[in-house]
Amino acid sequence: MLIGHAPAGYLLSRQLSDNKYVILLGLLGSVLPDIDMLYFYLFDGQKHHHHEYWSHIPYYWFLILLVVSPVLCFIKRTIAYAFIIMFINIFLHLLLDTMWSGGIQWFYPFSDNMISFLEVSTRWSAKEIYYGVEGWIWNFVIHPSFLVELLLFTTACTFYIRTRHEANNEQLENVF
């Protein structure tokens, strides 16, 4: 998935809260597993699929959640709720990657098998550059599943614009 994580995270977070800080933390969670792309490009030299790194393995997020959960019981309810929304979005990211992006190791540490529902074909070599864009990106863009990402993006933009418009109308009504 290329552009769908943040819009999906926004839509989910917005349904669960109106608090802008909660929504922002939810957005962070929706893209946080892809922090491994920095390591993928800067240090690994693209030798391993980035879904093999710890940030794309649910086991490690469950461990982090297990450690963080007791702390959440003792902090302000809004902050705890924001972190719960963040973790929900992390798992949404992993679920979306399970459906479209090469799979996730859901049964790690018992199995290294990648679970995936839909395989994106590799028409172009991943590291080759075509029209200024890496081949792996083209593989996703030409796949029919990219329409789902465009739908998520369009829906999130429409929802954001509509809610901003409604908020502006309410402010105008309060002025008069």
N, C-alpha and C. Protein backbone atom coordinates (compact mmCIF):
# COMPACT_ATOMS: atom_id res chain seq x y z
N MET A 1 0.85 -1.17 0.00
CA MET A 1 0.00 0.00 0.00
C MET A 1 0.90 1.24 0.00
N LEU A 2 0.60 2.16 -0.90
CA LEU A 2 1.44 3.35 -1.05
C LEU A 2 0.86 4.58 -0.35
N ILE A 3 -0.37 4.92 -0.69
CA ILE A 3 -0.95 6.17 -0.19
C ILE A 3 -2.18 5.94 0.69
N GLY A 4 -2.50 4.71 1.01
CA GLY A 4 -3.74 4.42 1.70
C GLY A 4 -3.69 4.42 3.22
N HIS A 5 -2.50 4.28 3.80
CA HIS A 5 -2.43 4.16 5.25
C HIS A 5 -2.90 5.40 5.99
N ALA A 6 -2.39 6.55 5.63
CA ALA A 6 -2.78 7.79 6.32
C ALA A 6 -4.27 8.11 6.13
N PRO A 7 -4.81 8.02 4.91
CA PRO A 7 -6.25 8.27 4.78
C PRO A 7 -7.11 7.29 5.58
N ALA A 8 -6.73 6.02 5.58
CA ALA A 8 -7.48 5.03 6.36
C ALA A 8 -7.38 5.36 7.85
N GLY A 9 -6.18 5.74 8.30
CA GLY A 9 -5.99 6.12 9.69
C GLY A 9 -6.79 7.35 10.07
N TYR A 10 -6.83 8.33 9.16
CA TYR A 10 -7.62 9.53 9.43
C TYR A 10 -9.10 9.18 9.55
N LEU A 11 -9.61 8.41 8.61
CA LEU A 11 -11.04 8.06 8.63
C LEU A 11 -11.40 7.30 9.91
N LEU A 12 -10.56 6.35 10.30
CA LEU A 12 -10.82 5.59 11.52
C LEU A 12 -10.72 6.47 12.75
N SER A 13 -9.66 7.25 12.84
CA SER A 13 -9.46 8.12 14.01
C SER A 13 -10.59 9.15 14.13
N ARG A 14 -11.00 9.70 13.01
CA ARG A 14 -12.06 10.72 13.00
C ARG A 14 -13.40 10.14 13.44
N GLN A 15 -13.61 8.86 13.16
CA GLN A 15 -14.84 8.21 13.60
C GLN A 15 -14.82 7.94 15.11
N LEU A 16 -13.63 7.80 15.67
CA LEU A 16 -13.50 7.47 17.08
C LEU A 16 -13.33 8.68 17.99
N SER A 17 -12.96 9.83 17.40
CA SER A 17 -12.73 11.02 18.23
C SER A 17 -12.83 12.29 17.40
N ASP A 18 -13.22 13.37 18.08
CA ASP A 18 -13.22 14.69 17.46
C ASP A 18 -12.01 15.51 17.91
N ASN A 19 -11.28 15.00 18.88
CA ASN A 19 -10.12 15.70 19.43
C ASN A 19 -8.98 15.68 18.41
N LYS A 20 -8.49 16.86 18.02
CA LYS A 20 -7.47 16.92 16.97
C LYS A 20 -6.17 16.25 17.37
N TYR A 21 -5.83 16.25 18.65
CA TYR A 21 -4.60 15.60 19.10
C TYR A 21 -4.73 14.08 19.06
N VAL A 22 -5.91 13.60 19.38
CA VAL A 22 -6.17 12.15 19.28
C VAL A 22 -6.10 11.73 17.82
N ILE A 23 -6.68 12.53 16.95
CA ILE A 23 -6.65 12.23 15.52
C ILE A 23 -5.21 12.25 15.00
N LEU A 24 -4.42 13.22 15.43
CA LEU A 24 -3.02 13.29 15.00
C LEU A 24 -2.21 12.07 15.47
N LEU A 25 -2.45 11.64 16.70
CA LEU A 25 -1.75 10.45 17.19
C LEU A 25 -2.22 9.21 16.44
N GLY A 26 -3.50 9.18 16.09
CA GLY A 26 -4.02 8.09 15.26
C GLY A 26 -3.36 8.08 13.89
N LEU A 27 -3.20 9.26 13.30
CA LEU A 27 -2.50 9.36 12.01
C LEU A 27 -1.06 8.87 12.13
N LEU A 28 -0.40 9.26 13.21
CA LEU A 28 0.96 8.79 13.44
C LEU A 28 1.00 7.26 13.47
N GLY A 29 0.06 6.67 14.21
CA GLY A 29 0.00 5.21 14.29
C GLY A 29 -0.24 4.56 12.94
N SER A 30 -1.01 5.22 12.09
CA SER A 30 -1.34 4.63 10.79
C SER A 30 -0.14 4.55 9.84
N VAL A 31 0.89 5.35 10.09
CA VAL A 31 2.08 5.30 9.24
C VAL A 31 3.33 4.84 10.00
N LEU A 32 3.24 4.69 11.31
CA LEU A 32 4.40 4.36 12.14
C LEU A 32 5.13 3.08 11.71
N PRO A 33 4.43 2.00 11.34
CA PRO A 33 5.18 0.81 10.92
C PRO A 33 6.10 1.05 9.73
N ASP A 34 5.80 2.05 8.91
CA ASP A 34 6.65 2.33 7.75
C ASP A 34 7.89 3.15 8.09
N ILE A 35 8.12 3.40 9.36
CA ILE A 35 9.36 4.06 9.77
C ILE A 35 10.56 3.21 9.35
N ASP A 36 10.32 1.93 9.16
CA ASP A 36 11.40 1.04 8.74
C ASP A 36 11.91 1.33 7.33
N MET A 37 11.18 2.15 6.58
CA MET A 37 11.65 2.51 5.24
C MET A 37 12.95 3.32 5.32
N LEU A 38 13.13 4.05 6.41
CA LEU A 38 14.39 4.77 6.60
C LEU A 38 15.56 3.79 6.66
N TYR A 39 15.40 2.75 7.45
CA TYR A 39 16.45 1.72 7.55
C TYR A 39 16.61 1.00 6.22
N PHE A 40 15.50 0.70 5.57
CA PHE A 40 15.48 0.00 4.29
C PHE A 40 16.34 0.72 3.26
N TYR A 41 16.19 2.04 3.17
CA TYR A 41 16.94 2.80 2.16
C TYR A 41 18.32 3.25 2.65
N LEU A 42 18.44 3.64 3.91
CA LEU A 42 19.70 4.22 4.38
C LEU A 42 20.75 3.19 4.79
N PHE A 43 20.33 2.06 5.32
CA PHE A 43 21.30 1.12 5.88
C PHE A 43 21.27 -0.27 5.26
N ASP A 44 20.09 -0.76 4.92
CA ASP A 44 19.94 -2.13 4.43
C ASP A 44 20.26 -2.26 2.94
N GLY A 45 20.21 -1.17 2.23
CA GLY A 45 20.45 -1.23 0.79
C GLY A 45 19.38 -2.01 0.05
N GLN A 46 18.18 -2.04 0.59
CA GLN A 46 17.02 -2.71 -0.01
C GLN A 46 17.24 -4.22 -0.19
N LYS A 47 18.02 -4.82 0.71
CA LYS A 47 18.32 -6.25 0.61
C LYS A 47 17.17 -7.13 1.11
N HIS A 48 16.38 -6.60 2.05
CA HIS A 48 15.29 -7.37 2.63
C HIS A 48 13.98 -6.62 2.43
N HIS A 49 12.91 -7.37 2.30
CA HIS A 49 11.59 -6.74 2.22
C HIS A 49 11.35 -6.03 3.56
N HIS A 50 10.89 -4.79 3.51
CA HIS A 50 10.77 -4.03 4.75
C HIS A 50 9.71 -4.60 5.69
N HIS A 51 8.87 -5.49 5.21
CA HIS A 51 7.90 -6.15 6.10
C HIS A 51 8.56 -7.21 6.97
N GLU A 52 9.83 -7.47 6.76
CA GLU A 52 10.56 -8.41 7.60
C GLU A 52 11.19 -7.71 8.82
N TYR A 53 11.16 -6.39 8.86
CA TYR A 53 11.69 -5.65 9.99
C TYR A 53 10.69 -5.66 11.15
N TRP A 54 11.18 -5.39 12.35
CA TRP A 54 10.36 -5.50 13.56
C TRP A 54 9.10 -4.64 13.50
N SER A 55 9.16 -3.48 12.85
CA SER A 55 8.01 -2.57 12.88
C SER A 55 6.83 -3.07 12.05
N HIS A 56 7.03 -4.13 11.28
CA HIS A 56 5.93 -4.74 10.54
C HIS A 56 5.59 -6.13 11.08
N ILE A 57 6.02 -6.41 12.30
CA ILE A 57 5.71 -7.71 12.91
C ILE A 57 4.80 -7.46 14.12
N PRO A 58 3.55 -7.92 14.06
CA PRO A 58 2.58 -7.65 15.13
C PRO A 58 3.06 -8.07 16.52
N TYR A 59 3.83 -9.14 16.58
CA TYR A 59 4.35 -9.63 17.86
C TYR A 59 5.02 -8.51 18.66
N TYR A 60 5.84 -7.70 18.03
CA TYR A 60 6.56 -6.64 18.73
C TYR A 60 5.62 -5.51 19.17
N TRP A 61 4.61 -5.23 18.35
CA TRP A 61 3.65 -4.20 18.76
C TRP A 61 2.81 -4.69 19.94
N PHE A 62 2.50 -6.00 19.98
CA PHE A 62 1.80 -6.55 21.14
C PHE A 62 2.66 -6.44 22.39
N LEU A 63 3.97 -6.69 22.25
CA LEU A 63 4.88 -6.55 23.40
C LEU A 63 4.93 -5.10 23.89
N ILE A 64 5.03 -4.16 22.96
CA ILE A 64 5.04 -2.74 23.33
C ILE A 64 3.74 -2.38 24.02
N LEU A 65 2.63 -2.83 23.47
CA LEU A 65 1.32 -2.56 24.07
C LEU A 65 1.22 -3.17 25.47
N LEU A 66 1.77 -4.36 25.64
CA LEU A 66 1.76 -5.02 26.94
C LEU A 66 2.54 -4.21 27.97
N VAL A 67 3.64 -3.62 27.56
CA VAL A 67 4.46 -2.80 28.46
C VAL A 67 3.79 -1.45 28.74
N VAL A 68 3.19 -0.86 27.72
CA VAL A 68 2.60 0.48 27.84
C VAL A 68 1.24 0.45 28.56
N SER A 69 0.50 -0.63 28.44
CA SER A 69 -0.87 -0.70 29.00
C SER A 69 -0.96 -0.35 30.49
N PRO A 70 -0.10 -0.89 31.35
CA PRO A 70 -0.20 -0.50 32.76
C PRO A 70 0.00 1.00 32.99
N VAL A 71 0.87 1.61 32.20
CA VAL A 71 1.11 3.05 32.33
C VAL A 71 -0.15 3.82 31.92
N LEU A 72 -0.84 3.34 30.90
CA LEU A 72 -2.04 4.02 30.42
C LEU A 72 -3.13 4.10 31.49
N CYS A 73 -3.10 3.17 32.42
CA CYS A 73 -4.10 3.17 33.50
C CYS A 73 -3.93 4.33 34.47
N PHE A 74 -2.72 4.91 34.50
CA PHE A 74 -2.42 5.94 35.49
C PHE A 74 -2.29 7.34 34.91
N ILE A 75 -2.53 7.48 33.62
CA ILE A 75 -2.43 8.81 33.03
C ILE A 75 -3.81 9.33 32.67
N LYS A 76 -3.86 10.58 32.29
CA LYS A 76 -5.11 11.23 31.96
C LYS A 76 -5.87 10.43 30.90
N ARG A 77 -7.17 10.33 31.06
CA ARG A 77 -8.00 9.49 30.20
C ARG A 77 -7.88 9.86 28.72
N THR A 78 -7.82 11.14 28.38
CA THR A 78 -7.72 11.57 26.98
C THR A 78 -6.40 11.10 26.37
N ILE A 79 -5.33 11.18 27.12
CA ILE A 79 -4.02 10.74 26.62
C ILE A 79 -4.02 9.22 26.43
N ALA A 80 -4.57 8.51 27.40
CA ALA A 80 -4.65 7.05 27.27
C ALA A 80 -5.47 6.67 26.05
N TYR A 81 -6.59 7.35 25.85
CA TYR A 81 -7.45 7.08 24.69
C TYR A 81 -6.70 7.35 23.39
N ALA A 82 -5.92 8.42 23.36
CA ALA A 82 -5.14 8.76 22.16
C ALA A 82 -4.15 7.63 21.84
N PHE A 83 -3.50 7.09 22.86
CA PHE A 83 -2.55 6.01 22.62
C PHE A 83 -3.25 4.73 22.18
N ILE A 84 -4.43 4.49 22.70
CA ILE A 84 -5.21 3.33 22.25
C ILE A 84 -5.56 3.48 20.77
N ILE A 85 -5.98 4.69 20.39
CA ILE A 85 -6.29 4.97 18.98
C ILE A 85 -5.04 4.77 18.12
N MET A 86 -3.89 5.20 18.63
CA MET A 86 -2.64 5.02 17.89
C MET A 86 -2.37 3.53 17.64
N PHE A 87 -2.52 2.72 18.68
CA PHE A 87 -2.26 1.29 18.52
C PHE A 87 -3.29 0.63 17.60
N ILE A 88 -4.53 1.06 17.66
CA ILE A 88 -5.55 0.54 16.74
C ILE A 88 -5.13 0.84 15.30
N ASN A 89 -4.61 2.03 15.07
CA ASN A 89 -4.17 2.40 13.73
C ASN A 89 -2.91 1.65 13.30
N ILE A 90 -2.05 1.34 14.23
CA ILE A 90 -0.88 0.52 13.89
C ILE A 90 -1.36 -0.83 13.36
N PHE A 91 -2.32 -1.42 14.05
CA PHE A 91 -2.82 -2.73 13.61
C PHE A 91 -3.65 -2.61 12.34
N LEU A 92 -4.31 -1.47 12.12
CA LEU A 92 -4.97 -1.22 10.84
C LEU A 92 -3.94 -1.22 9.72
N HIS A 93 -2.82 -0.57 9.94
CA HIS A 93 -1.73 -0.54 8.95
C HIS A 93 -1.30 -1.98 8.62
N LEU A 94 -1.08 -2.78 9.64
CA LEU A 94 -0.64 -4.15 9.42
C LEU A 94 -1.70 -4.97 8.69
N LEU A 95 -2.96 -4.75 9.02
CA LEU A 95 -4.05 -5.44 8.33
C LEU A 95 -4.10 -5.05 6.85
N LEU A 96 -3.96 -3.76 6.56
CA LEU A 96 -3.96 -3.31 5.16
C LEU A 96 -2.76 -3.89 4.41
N ASP A 97 -1.61 -3.96 5.06
CA ASP A 97 -0.44 -4.57 4.42
C ASP A 97 -0.63 -6.07 4.22
N THR A 98 -1.41 -6.69 5.06
CA THR A 98 -1.72 -8.11 4.88
C THR A 98 -2.55 -8.30 3.62
N MET A 99 -3.43 -7.36 3.37
CA MET A 99 -4.33 -7.50 2.23
C MET A 99 -3.64 -7.18 0.91
N TRP A 100 -2.71 -6.21 0.89
CA TRP A 100 -2.20 -5.73 -0.39
C TRP A 100 -0.70 -5.67 -0.56
N SER A 101 0.07 -5.83 0.45
CA SER A 101 1.48 -5.45 0.30
C SER A 101 2.48 -6.51 0.69
N GLY A 102 2.37 -7.66 0.14
CA GLY A 102 3.42 -8.65 0.34
C GLY A 102 3.34 -9.46 1.63
N GLY A 103 2.40 -9.13 2.49
CA GLY A 103 2.18 -9.94 3.67
C GLY A 103 2.83 -9.45 4.95
N ILE A 104 2.35 -10.03 6.03
CA ILE A 104 2.80 -9.72 7.39
C ILE A 104 3.02 -11.04 8.13
N GLN A 105 4.00 -11.07 9.02
CA GLN A 105 4.31 -12.27 9.79
C GLN A 105 3.42 -12.32 11.04
N TRP A 106 2.16 -12.65 10.86
CA TRP A 106 1.21 -12.65 11.98
C TRP A 106 1.51 -13.72 13.02
N PHE A 107 2.16 -14.80 12.63
CA PHE A 107 2.40 -15.91 13.56
C PHE A 107 3.82 -15.93 14.12
N TYR A 108 4.58 -14.85 13.88
CA TYR A 108 5.91 -14.73 14.45
C TYR A 108 5.76 -14.69 15.98
N PRO A 109 6.57 -15.33 16.75
CA PRO A 109 7.84 -16.01 16.51
C PRO A 109 7.72 -17.49 16.16
N PHE A 110 6.50 -17.98 16.02
CA PHE A 110 6.29 -19.40 15.73
C PHE A 110 6.52 -19.74 14.27
N SER A 111 6.35 -18.75 13.40
CA SER A 111 6.52 -18.95 11.97
C SER A 111 6.96 -17.64 11.33
N ASP A 112 7.83 -17.75 10.33
CA ASP A 112 8.28 -16.59 9.57
C ASP A 112 7.45 -16.39 8.30
N ASN A 113 6.43 -17.19 8.11
CA ASN A 113 5.61 -17.10 6.90
C ASN A 113 4.88 -15.76 6.85
N MET A 114 4.90 -15.17 5.65
CA MET A 114 4.16 -13.94 5.41
C MET A 114 2.73 -14.30 5.02
N ILE A 115 1.78 -13.70 5.71
CA ILE A 115 0.37 -13.91 5.41
C ILE A 115 -0.08 -12.75 4.52
N SER A 116 -0.63 -13.10 3.36
CA SER A 116 -1.08 -12.08 2.42
C SER A 116 -2.34 -12.57 1.72
N PHE A 117 -3.28 -11.66 1.49
CA PHE A 117 -4.53 -12.03 0.83
C PHE A 117 -4.48 -11.79 -0.68
N LEU A 118 -3.64 -10.87 -1.10
CA LEU A 118 -3.59 -10.49 -2.51
C LEU A 118 -2.15 -10.25 -2.91
N GLU A 119 -1.72 -10.87 -3.96
CA GLU A 119 -0.34 -10.72 -4.43
C GLU A 119 -0.28 -9.63 -5.51
N VAL A 120 0.62 -8.69 -5.31
CA VAL A 120 0.84 -7.66 -6.32
C VAL A 120 1.94 -8.17 -7.25
N SER A 121 1.60 -8.30 -8.53
CA SER A 121 2.55 -8.85 -9.50
C SER A 121 3.74 -7.92 -9.68
N THR A 122 4.86 -8.50 -10.06
CA THR A 122 6.08 -7.72 -10.26
C THR A 122 6.39 -7.67 -11.75
N ARG A 123 5.82 -6.72 -12.43
CA ARG A 123 6.09 -6.55 -13.86
C ARG A 123 7.42 -5.85 -14.08
N TRP A 124 7.75 -4.94 -13.17
CA TRP A 124 8.99 -4.18 -13.31
C TRP A 124 9.93 -4.54 -12.16
N SER A 125 11.20 -4.55 -12.46
CA SER A 125 12.22 -4.84 -11.46
C SER A 125 12.14 -3.79 -10.35
N ALA A 126 12.21 -4.25 -9.12
CA ALA A 126 11.99 -3.37 -7.96
C ALA A 126 12.97 -2.20 -7.91
N LYS A 127 14.24 -2.44 -8.22
CA LYS A 127 15.25 -1.39 -8.05
C LYS A 127 15.50 -0.56 -9.32
N GLU A 128 14.99 -1.01 -10.44
CA GLU A 128 15.17 -0.27 -11.69
C GLU A 128 14.31 0.99 -11.68
N ILE A 129 14.75 2.00 -12.41
CA ILE A 129 14.03 3.26 -12.50
C ILE A 129 13.33 3.33 -13.85
N TYR A 130 12.03 3.58 -13.82
CA TYR A 130 11.24 3.73 -15.04
C TYR A 130 10.54 5.09 -14.98
N TYR A 131 10.83 5.93 -15.93
CA TYR A 131 10.22 7.27 -15.99
C TYR A 131 10.44 8.03 -14.67
N GLY A 132 11.60 7.84 -14.09
CA GLY A 132 11.97 8.55 -12.87
C GLY A 132 11.40 7.95 -11.59
N VAL A 133 10.76 6.80 -11.68
CA VAL A 133 10.13 6.18 -10.50
C VAL A 133 10.61 4.73 -10.39
N GLU A 134 10.88 4.29 -9.15
CA GLU A 134 11.33 2.91 -8.94
C GLU A 134 10.26 1.92 -9.39
N GLY A 135 10.71 0.80 -9.90
CA GLY A 135 9.81 -0.22 -10.44
C GLY A 135 8.79 -0.75 -9.45
N TRP A 136 9.19 -0.91 -8.19
CA TRP A 136 8.25 -1.47 -7.22
C TRP A 136 7.04 -0.56 -7.04
N ILE A 137 7.23 0.75 -7.19
CA ILE A 137 6.10 1.68 -7.08
C ILE A 137 5.16 1.49 -8.26
N TRP A 138 5.72 1.34 -9.47
CA TRP A 138 4.88 1.09 -10.64
C TRP A 138 4.07 -0.19 -10.47
N ASN A 139 4.68 -1.22 -9.88
CA ASN A 139 3.95 -2.48 -9.67
C ASN A 139 2.68 -2.25 -8.86
N PHE A 140 2.73 -1.36 -7.86
CA PHE A 140 1.55 -1.08 -7.06
C PHE A 140 0.56 -0.17 -7.80
N VAL A 141 1.08 0.84 -8.48
CA VAL A 141 0.21 1.82 -9.12
C VAL A 141 -0.63 1.19 -10.23
N ILE A 142 -0.07 0.24 -10.98
CA ILE A 142 -0.84 -0.36 -12.07
C ILE A 142 -1.72 -1.52 -11.62
N HIS A 143 -1.57 -1.94 -10.37
CA HIS A 143 -2.40 -3.03 -9.86
C HIS A 143 -3.80 -2.51 -9.54
N PRO A 144 -4.84 -3.28 -9.83
CA PRO A 144 -6.21 -2.82 -9.56
C PRO A 144 -6.48 -2.46 -8.10
N SER A 145 -5.73 -3.02 -7.18
CA SER A 145 -5.94 -2.70 -5.76
C SER A 145 -5.61 -1.24 -5.45
N PHE A 146 -4.85 -0.59 -6.33
CA PHE A 146 -4.52 0.82 -6.11
C PHE A 146 -5.79 1.68 -6.15
N LEU A 147 -6.82 1.19 -6.81
CA LEU A 147 -8.10 1.91 -6.83
C LEU A 147 -8.68 2.03 -5.42
N VAL A 148 -8.45 1.03 -4.59
CA VAL A 148 -8.89 1.09 -3.19
C VAL A 148 -8.15 2.22 -2.47
N GLU A 149 -6.86 2.34 -2.74
CA GLU A 149 -6.09 3.42 -2.12
C GLU A 149 -6.59 4.78 -2.58
N LEU A 150 -6.88 4.92 -3.86
CA LEU A 150 -7.42 6.17 -4.37
C LEU A 150 -8.78 6.48 -3.76
N LEU A 151 -9.58 5.45 -3.56
CA LEU A 151 -10.89 5.63 -2.92
C LEU A 151 -10.72 6.09 -1.47
N LEU A 152 -9.80 5.47 -0.74
CA LEU A 152 -9.51 5.90 0.64
C LEU A 152 -9.04 7.34 0.67
N PHE A 153 -8.13 7.69 -0.22
CA PHE A 153 -7.59 9.05 -0.28
C PHE A 153 -8.70 10.06 -0.59
N THR A 154 -9.50 9.76 -1.59
CA THR A 154 -10.59 10.66 -1.98
C THR A 154 -11.63 10.81 -0.88
N THR A 155 -11.98 9.70 -0.24
CA THR A 155 -12.95 9.73 0.84
C THR A 155 -12.43 10.55 2.02
N ALA A 156 -11.17 10.34 2.38
CA ALA A 156 -10.58 11.09 3.50
C ALA A 156 -10.53 12.58 3.19
N CYS A 157 -10.12 12.93 1.97
CA CYS A 157 -10.08 14.35 1.59
C CYS A 157 -11.47 14.97 1.62
N THR A 158 -12.44 14.25 1.08
CA THR A 158 -13.82 14.75 1.06
C THR A 158 -14.35 14.93 2.48
N PHE A 159 -14.09 13.96 3.33
CA PHE A 159 -14.54 14.02 4.72
C PHE A 159 -13.89 15.20 5.44
N TYR A 160 -12.59 15.38 5.22
CA TYR A 160 -11.87 16.48 5.86
C TYR A 160 -12.42 17.83 5.40
N ILE A 161 -12.59 17.99 4.10
CA ILE A 161 -13.10 19.25 3.56
C ILE A 161 -14.51 19.52 4.08
N ARG A 162 -15.34 18.49 4.10
CA ARG A 162 -16.71 18.65 4.58
C ARG A 162 -16.75 19.06 6.06
N THR A 163 -15.94 18.41 6.88
CA THR A 163 -15.94 18.75 8.31
C THR A 163 -15.36 20.14 8.55
N ARG A 164 -14.37 20.53 7.77
CA ARG A 164 -13.82 21.90 7.89
C ARG A 164 -14.87 22.93 7.47
N HIS A 165 -15.60 22.62 6.41
CA HIS A 165 -16.65 23.53 5.93
C HIS A 165 -17.74 23.69 6.98
N GLU A 166 -18.14 22.57 7.59
CA GLU A 166 -19.17 22.63 8.65
C GLU A 166 -18.66 23.43 9.84
N ALA A 167 -17.40 23.25 10.21
CA ALA A 167 -16.83 24.00 11.34
C ALA A 167 -16.79 25.49 11.03
N ASN A 168 -16.44 25.85 9.81
CA ASN A 168 -16.42 27.26 9.42
C ASN A 168 -17.82 27.86 9.44
N ASN A 169 -18.83 27.10 8.99
CA ASN A 169 -20.21 27.57 9.02
C ASN A 169 -20.68 27.81 10.45
N GLU A 170 -20.30 26.91 11.36
CA GLU A 170 -20.67 27.08 12.77
C GLU A 170 -20.03 28.35 13.35
N GLN A 171 -18.79 28.62 12.98
CA GLN A 171 -18.12 29.83 13.46
C GLN A 171 -18.81 31.08 12.93
N LEU A 172 -19.23 31.04 11.67
CA LEU A 172 -19.94 32.18 11.11
C LEU A 172 -21.29 32.41 11.80
N GLU A 173 -21.99 31.30 12.11
CA GLU A 173 -23.27 31.41 12.80
C GLU A 173 -23.09 32.01 14.19
N ASN A 174 -22.01 31.67 14.85
CA ASN A 174 -21.75 32.19 16.19
C ASN A 174 -21.41 33.68 16.18
N VAL A 175 -20.87 34.16 15.05
CA VAL A 175 -20.52 35.58 14.94
C VAL A 175 -21.80 36.42 14.85
N PHE A 176 -22.79 35.94 14.14
CA PHE A 176 -24.03 36.69 13.96
C PHE A 176 -25.01 36.23 14.95
